[in-house]
């Protein structure tokens, strides 16, 4: 893919995006403030605190789920389900506390979250990439390690820059192709099999901790299934292990993913994380 001038993103109005950020910040602060509520024998007060806590959890789930990993989403849902009285609120606080940093980490990304339709209306840029397939070579009609490496390369680039979204099953011209070719080479031959494969593939290439910053799921669009992978910026540098066994450091630059030369790697890391 050749480098081209990136047009301004037409996505949602900045005021809407900013409001999402404000709502998540407010919900997290609200949850934290409820921790200050001491034990009470007043049934009405107990009910009010419990109701407020459940409401705030719902708000957090609604705003955060599109951008967080599947395990974190499952944890949030489990916490919400278990809250039914004041005692369970205290238990939920203990479970939620370790998750707060991860939830706060996605706040800057809320202004980048777009629907699939919104993404397809835009060109590939520093935060959006389309790939026709993740395994299958449409030219040679067989699996190709280089295509599998290309997925790793894109995800690593997003992790090491400012995050982004990869759509698999969409070509460079934003045409939806679907995942039938990739489904043929995973087990089971469906969306679950594909998500299991790509998760395992990314863990082998990037490590478990890095993959916790990603969320892959199958979505329907125009009668076809595509895979959406949302990626948050990593809190630390991530090296990618590609199919030849070598390790490379990828970053996202405009609408392409590039290798940072060894001579510039430490300077880049210092700029991004130090």
Protein backbone atom coordinates (compact mmCIF):
# COMPACT_ATOMS: atom_id res chain seq x y z
CA UNK A 1 0.00 0.00 0.00
CA UNK A 2 1.38 3.35 -0.99
CA UNK A 3 1.51 6.27 1.34
CA UNK A 4 -1.07 8.94 0.62
CA UNK A 5 -2.20 12.16 2.19
CA UNK A 6 -4.60 11.44 5.01
CA UNK A 7 -7.88 13.34 4.85
CA UNK A 8 -9.45 14.71 8.03
CA UNK A 9 -11.59 12.04 9.70
CA UNK A 10 -15.30 12.57 9.14
CA UNK A 11 -16.39 10.42 12.14
CA UNK A 12 -18.80 11.47 14.90
CA UNK A 13 -18.95 15.09 16.02
CA UNK A 14 -16.18 15.89 18.53
CA UNK A 15 -18.79 17.02 21.05
CA UNK A 16 -20.37 13.54 21.04
CA UNK A 17 -16.98 11.85 21.46
CA UNK A 18 -15.96 14.23 24.22
CA UNK A 19 -19.24 13.57 26.00
CA UNK A 20 -18.52 9.83 26.00
CA UNK A 21 -15.18 10.54 27.63
CA UNK A 22 -16.83 12.77 30.22
CA UNK A 23 -19.47 10.14 31.01
CA UNK A 24 -16.89 7.42 31.60
CA UNK A 25 -14.81 9.72 33.80
CA UNK A 26 -17.92 10.67 35.78
CA UNK A 27 -18.99 7.04 36.18
CA UNK A 28 -15.56 5.97 37.42
CA UNK A 29 -15.46 8.89 39.87
CA UNK A 30 -18.97 8.01 41.02
CA UNK A 31 -17.98 4.42 41.70
CA UNK A 32 -14.98 5.64 43.66
CA UNK A 33 -17.10 8.06 45.72
CA UNK A 34 -19.55 5.32 46.69
CA UNK A 35 -16.64 3.53 48.33
CA UNK A 36 -16.72 6.28 50.96
CA UNK A 37 -20.25 5.34 52.02
CA UNK A 38 -20.04 3.63 55.38
CA UNK A 39 -22.33 0.86 56.67
CA UNK A 40 -25.93 1.94 57.18
CA UNK A 41 -28.92 0.38 58.94
CA UNK A 42 -31.35 2.49 56.93
CA UNK A 43 -32.97 0.21 54.29
CA UNK A 44 -33.75 3.16 52.02
CA UNK A 45 -30.14 4.34 52.10
CA UNK A 46 -28.88 0.82 51.42
CA UNK A 47 -31.20 0.53 48.43
CA UNK A 48 -30.16 3.95 47.11
CA UNK A 49 -26.44 3.10 47.25
CA UNK A 50 -26.98 -0.32 45.66
CA UNK A 51 -29.13 1.14 42.88
CA UNK A 52 -26.60 3.91 42.18
CA UNK A 53 -23.74 1.43 42.11
CA UNK A 54 -25.55 -0.84 39.62
CA UNK A 55 -26.42 2.14 37.43
CA UNK A 56 -22.81 3.32 37.33
CA UNK A 57 -21.60 -0.19 36.49
CA UNK A 58 -24.04 -0.31 33.57
CA UNK A 59 -22.73 3.05 32.33
CA UNK A 60 -19.14 1.84 32.55
CA UNK A 61 -19.99 -1.39 30.70
CA UNK A 62 -21.86 0.46 27.97
CA UNK A 63 -19.05 2.94 27.34
CA UNK A 64 -16.04 0.69 27.87
CA UNK A 65 -17.05 -2.69 26.41
CA UNK A 66 -16.38 -1.81 22.73
CA UNK A 67 -12.75 -1.00 23.56
CA UNK A 68 -11.74 -3.47 26.27
CA UNK A 69 -10.56 -7.06 26.06
CA UNK A 70 -13.05 -9.91 26.27
CA UNK A 71 -11.76 -11.12 29.69
CA UNK A 72 -12.18 -7.62 31.16
CA UNK A 73 -15.68 -7.34 29.69
CA UNK A 74 -16.60 -10.69 31.25
CA UNK A 75 -15.25 -9.55 34.63
CA UNK A 76 -17.30 -6.34 34.53
CA UNK A 77 -20.45 -8.24 33.68
CA UNK A 78 -19.85 -10.73 36.51
CA UNK A 79 -19.38 -7.88 39.00
CA UNK A 80 -22.61 -6.23 37.84
CA UNK A 81 -24.63 -9.45 38.10
CA UNK A 82 -23.45 -10.06 41.66
CA UNK A 83 -24.49 -6.63 43.03
CA UNK A 84 -27.84 -6.99 44.80
CA UNK A 85 -27.39 -5.36 48.23
CA UNK A 86 -25.03 -3.09 50.18
CA UNK A 87 -22.80 -5.95 51.33
CA UNK A 88 -22.30 -7.06 47.71
CA UNK A 89 -21.40 -3.46 46.79
CA UNK A 90 -18.40 -3.68 49.14
CA UNK A 91 -17.42 -7.04 47.62
CA UNK A 92 -17.79 -5.58 44.11
CA UNK A 93 -15.51 -2.67 45.04
CA UNK A 94 -12.75 -5.11 45.98
CA UNK A 95 -13.13 -6.86 42.61
CA UNK A 96 -13.38 -3.63 40.62
CA UNK A 97 -10.40 -1.80 42.15
CA UNK A 98 -7.72 -3.73 40.19
CA UNK A 99 -9.62 -3.06 36.95
CA UNK A 100 -9.82 0.74 37.33
CA UNK A 101 -6.39 1.46 35.71
CA UNK A 102 -7.35 -0.52 32.59
CA UNK A 103 -10.68 1.30 32.38
CA UNK A 104 -9.01 4.68 32.78
CA UNK A 105 -6.53 3.71 30.06
CA UNK A 106 -9.24 3.52 27.41
CA UNK A 107 -10.67 7.00 28.09
CA UNK A 108 -8.45 8.69 25.43
CA UNK A 109 -9.55 6.05 22.89
CA UNK A 110 -13.27 6.79 23.24
CA UNK A 111 -13.00 9.65 20.77
CA UNK A 112 -11.69 7.20 18.17
CA UNK A 113 -14.42 4.56 18.50
CA UNK A 114 -16.54 4.39 15.35
CA UNK A 115 -19.12 1.96 14.00
CA UNK A 116 -18.14 -0.38 11.17
CA UNK A 117 -20.15 1.79 8.76
CA UNK A 118 -18.22 4.86 9.91
CA UNK A 119 -14.90 3.05 9.50
CA UNK A 120 -15.74 1.89 5.98
CA UNK A 121 -16.54 5.45 4.93
CA UNK A 122 -12.99 6.50 5.73
CA UNK A 123 -9.65 5.79 4.13
CA UNK A 124 -7.03 3.77 5.94
CA UNK A 125 -5.07 6.06 8.24
CA UNK A 126 -2.97 6.02 11.40
CA UNK A 127 -5.78 4.31 13.35
CA UNK A 128 -7.65 2.26 10.71
CA UNK A 129 -6.48 -0.69 8.60
CA UNK A 130 -8.40 -3.05 6.28
CA UNK A 131 -7.25 -6.55 5.32
CA UNK A 132 -8.95 -8.86 2.85
CA UNK A 133 -7.91 -11.97 4.77
CA UNK A 134 -5.79 -13.02 7.76
CA UNK A 135 -4.55 -16.41 6.47
CA UNK A 136 -5.73 -17.08 2.94
CA UNK A 137 -3.77 -15.81 -0.09
CA UNK A 138 -6.31 -14.72 -2.70
CA UNK A 139 -3.68 -14.96 -5.44
CA UNK A 140 -2.13 -18.37 -4.73
CA UNK A 141 -5.33 -19.82 -3.17
CA UNK A 142 -3.58 -21.25 -0.14
CA UNK A 143 -2.51 -20.26 3.38
CA UNK A 144 0.34 -17.79 3.43
CA UNK A 145 2.58 -17.03 6.44
CA UNK A 146 3.30 -13.55 5.09
CA UNK A 147 -0.40 -12.69 5.28
CA UNK A 148 -0.54 -14.03 8.85
CA UNK A 149 2.51 -11.89 9.64
CA UNK A 150 0.77 -8.83 8.18
CA UNK A 151 -1.96 -9.11 10.82
CA UNK A 152 0.65 -9.31 13.59
CA UNK A 153 2.49 -6.35 12.08
CA UNK A 154 -0.62 -4.14 12.08
CA UNK A 155 -1.67 -5.04 15.64
CA UNK A 156 1.89 -4.48 16.91
CA UNK A 157 2.01 -1.12 15.15
CA UNK A 158 -1.22 -0.02 16.83
CA UNK A 159 0.02 -1.24 20.24
CA UNK A 160 3.24 0.73 19.89
CA UNK A 161 1.61 3.94 18.67
CA UNK A 162 -1.83 5.18 19.73
CA UNK A 163 -4.06 2.17 19.18
CA UNK A 164 -6.46 1.61 16.30
CA UNK A 165 -8.89 -0.74 14.59
CA UNK A 166 -8.23 -3.54 12.11
CA UNK A 167 -11.09 -4.86 9.95
CA UNK A 168 -10.45 -8.29 8.42
CA UNK A 169 -12.61 -9.31 5.49
CA UNK A 170 -12.47 -5.84 3.88
CA UNK A 171 -10.18 -4.91 0.97
CA UNK A 172 -8.16 -1.71 0.55
CA UNK A 173 -11.03 -0.11 -1.38
CA UNK A 174 -13.37 -0.64 1.62
CA UNK A 175 -15.26 -3.43 -0.18
CA UNK A 176 -16.64 -6.03 2.24
CA UNK A 177 -15.43 -9.50 1.22
CA UNK A 178 -16.37 -11.51 4.30
CA UNK A 179 -14.41 -14.25 6.02
CA UNK A 180 -15.40 -17.39 4.09
CA UNK A 181 -11.85 -17.92 2.79
CA UNK A 182 -10.35 -17.71 6.28
CA UNK A 183 -13.15 -19.80 7.82
CA UNK A 184 -12.09 -22.65 5.51
CA UNK A 185 -8.69 -22.87 7.22
CA UNK A 186 -9.67 -22.63 10.91
CA UNK A 187 -11.39 -25.09 13.27
CA UNK A 188 -14.29 -24.93 13.72
CA UNK A 189 -14.96 -23.29 10.36
CA UNK A 190 -16.91 -20.33 11.74
CA UNK A 191 -16.58 -17.09 13.67
CA UNK A 192 -15.67 -18.77 16.96
CA UNK A 193 -12.94 -20.79 15.25
CA UNK A 194 -11.56 -17.69 13.58
CA UNK A 195 -11.48 -15.61 16.79
CA UNK A 196 -9.83 -18.53 18.63
CA UNK A 197 -7.22 -18.81 15.89
CA UNK A 198 -6.40 -15.10 15.71
CA UNK A 199 -6.21 -14.83 19.52
CA UNK A 200 -3.78 -17.75 19.72
CA UNK A 201 -1.82 -16.42 16.74
CA UNK A 202 -1.42 -12.99 18.36
CA UNK A 203 -0.47 -14.42 21.77
CA UNK A 204 2.32 -16.48 20.15
CA UNK A 205 3.59 -13.42 18.27
CA UNK A 206 3.06 -10.63 20.82
CA UNK A 207 2.59 -12.23 24.24
CA UNK A 208 -0.40 -12.60 26.55
CA UNK A 209 -0.05 -9.17 28.19
CA UNK A 210 -0.06 -7.32 24.86
CA UNK A 211 -3.07 -9.26 23.55
CA UNK A 212 -5.03 -8.25 26.66
CA UNK A 213 -4.97 -4.77 25.04
CA UNK A 214 -6.90 -6.10 22.03
CA UNK A 215 -10.45 -7.23 21.42
CA UNK A 216 -11.39 -9.35 18.40
CA UNK A 217 -15.01 -10.08 17.54
CA UNK A 218 -17.13 -11.03 14.56
CA UNK A 219 -19.61 -8.44 13.29
CA UNK A 220 -22.20 -8.55 10.50
CA UNK A 221 -22.13 -5.98 7.71
CA UNK A 222 -23.87 -6.03 4.34
CA UNK A 223 -24.81 -9.67 4.84
CA UNK A 224 -21.19 -10.70 5.44
CA UNK A 225 -19.22 -11.49 8.56
CA UNK A 226 -16.03 -9.54 9.19
CA UNK A 227 -13.63 -9.51 12.12
CA UNK A 228 -13.15 -6.27 14.03
CA UNK A 229 -10.01 -6.02 16.16
CA UNK A 230 -9.85 -2.94 18.42
CA UNK A 231 -6.43 -2.21 19.90
CA UNK A 232 -5.46 0.09 22.78
CA UNK A 233 -2.03 1.59 23.11
CA UNK A 234 0.28 -0.66 25.13
CA UNK A 235 1.70 0.71 28.40
CA UNK A 236 5.07 -0.73 27.36
CA UNK A 237 6.95 -1.43 24.08
CA UNK A 238 5.89 -4.61 22.24
CA UNK A 239 8.16 -6.61 19.96
CA UNK A 240 6.53 -8.92 17.41
CA UNK A 241 7.77 -12.39 16.61
CA UNK A 242 7.10 -13.12 12.93
CA UNK A 243 6.98 -16.45 11.10
CA UNK A 244 10.72 -16.62 10.35
CA UNK A 245 11.45 -16.44 14.09
CA UNK A 246 12.85 -12.91 14.06
CA UNK A 247 11.60 -10.15 16.37
CA UNK A 248 10.68 -6.76 15.00
CA UNK A 249 9.49 -3.46 16.44
CA UNK A 250 6.59 -2.04 14.44
CA UNK A 251 4.90 1.37 14.68
CA UNK A 252 2.03 3.01 12.83
CA UNK A 253 2.98 5.96 10.61
CA UNK A 254 0.15 7.68 8.72
CA UNK A 255 -1.62 4.86 6.82
CA UNK A 256 1.10 2.23 6.98
CA UNK A 257 2.96 0.10 9.54
CA UNK A 258 6.74 0.31 9.55
CA UNK A 259 9.74 -1.20 11.32
CA UNK A 260 11.67 1.21 13.53
CA UNK A 261 15.40 0.86 12.80
CA UNK A 262 17.51 -0.33 15.74
CA UNK A 263 19.36 2.99 15.64
CA UNK A 264 16.11 4.88 16.37
CA UNK A 265 14.29 2.38 18.56
CA UNK A 266 15.45 3.67 21.95
CA UNK A 267 14.67 7.27 21.02
CA UNK A 268 11.17 6.28 19.94
CA UNK A 269 10.58 4.33 23.16
CA UNK A 270 11.79 7.26 25.24
CA UNK A 271 9.40 9.61 23.40
CA UNK A 272 6.41 7.28 23.75
CA UNK A 273 6.75 5.83 27.24
CA UNK A 274 9.43 7.52 29.35
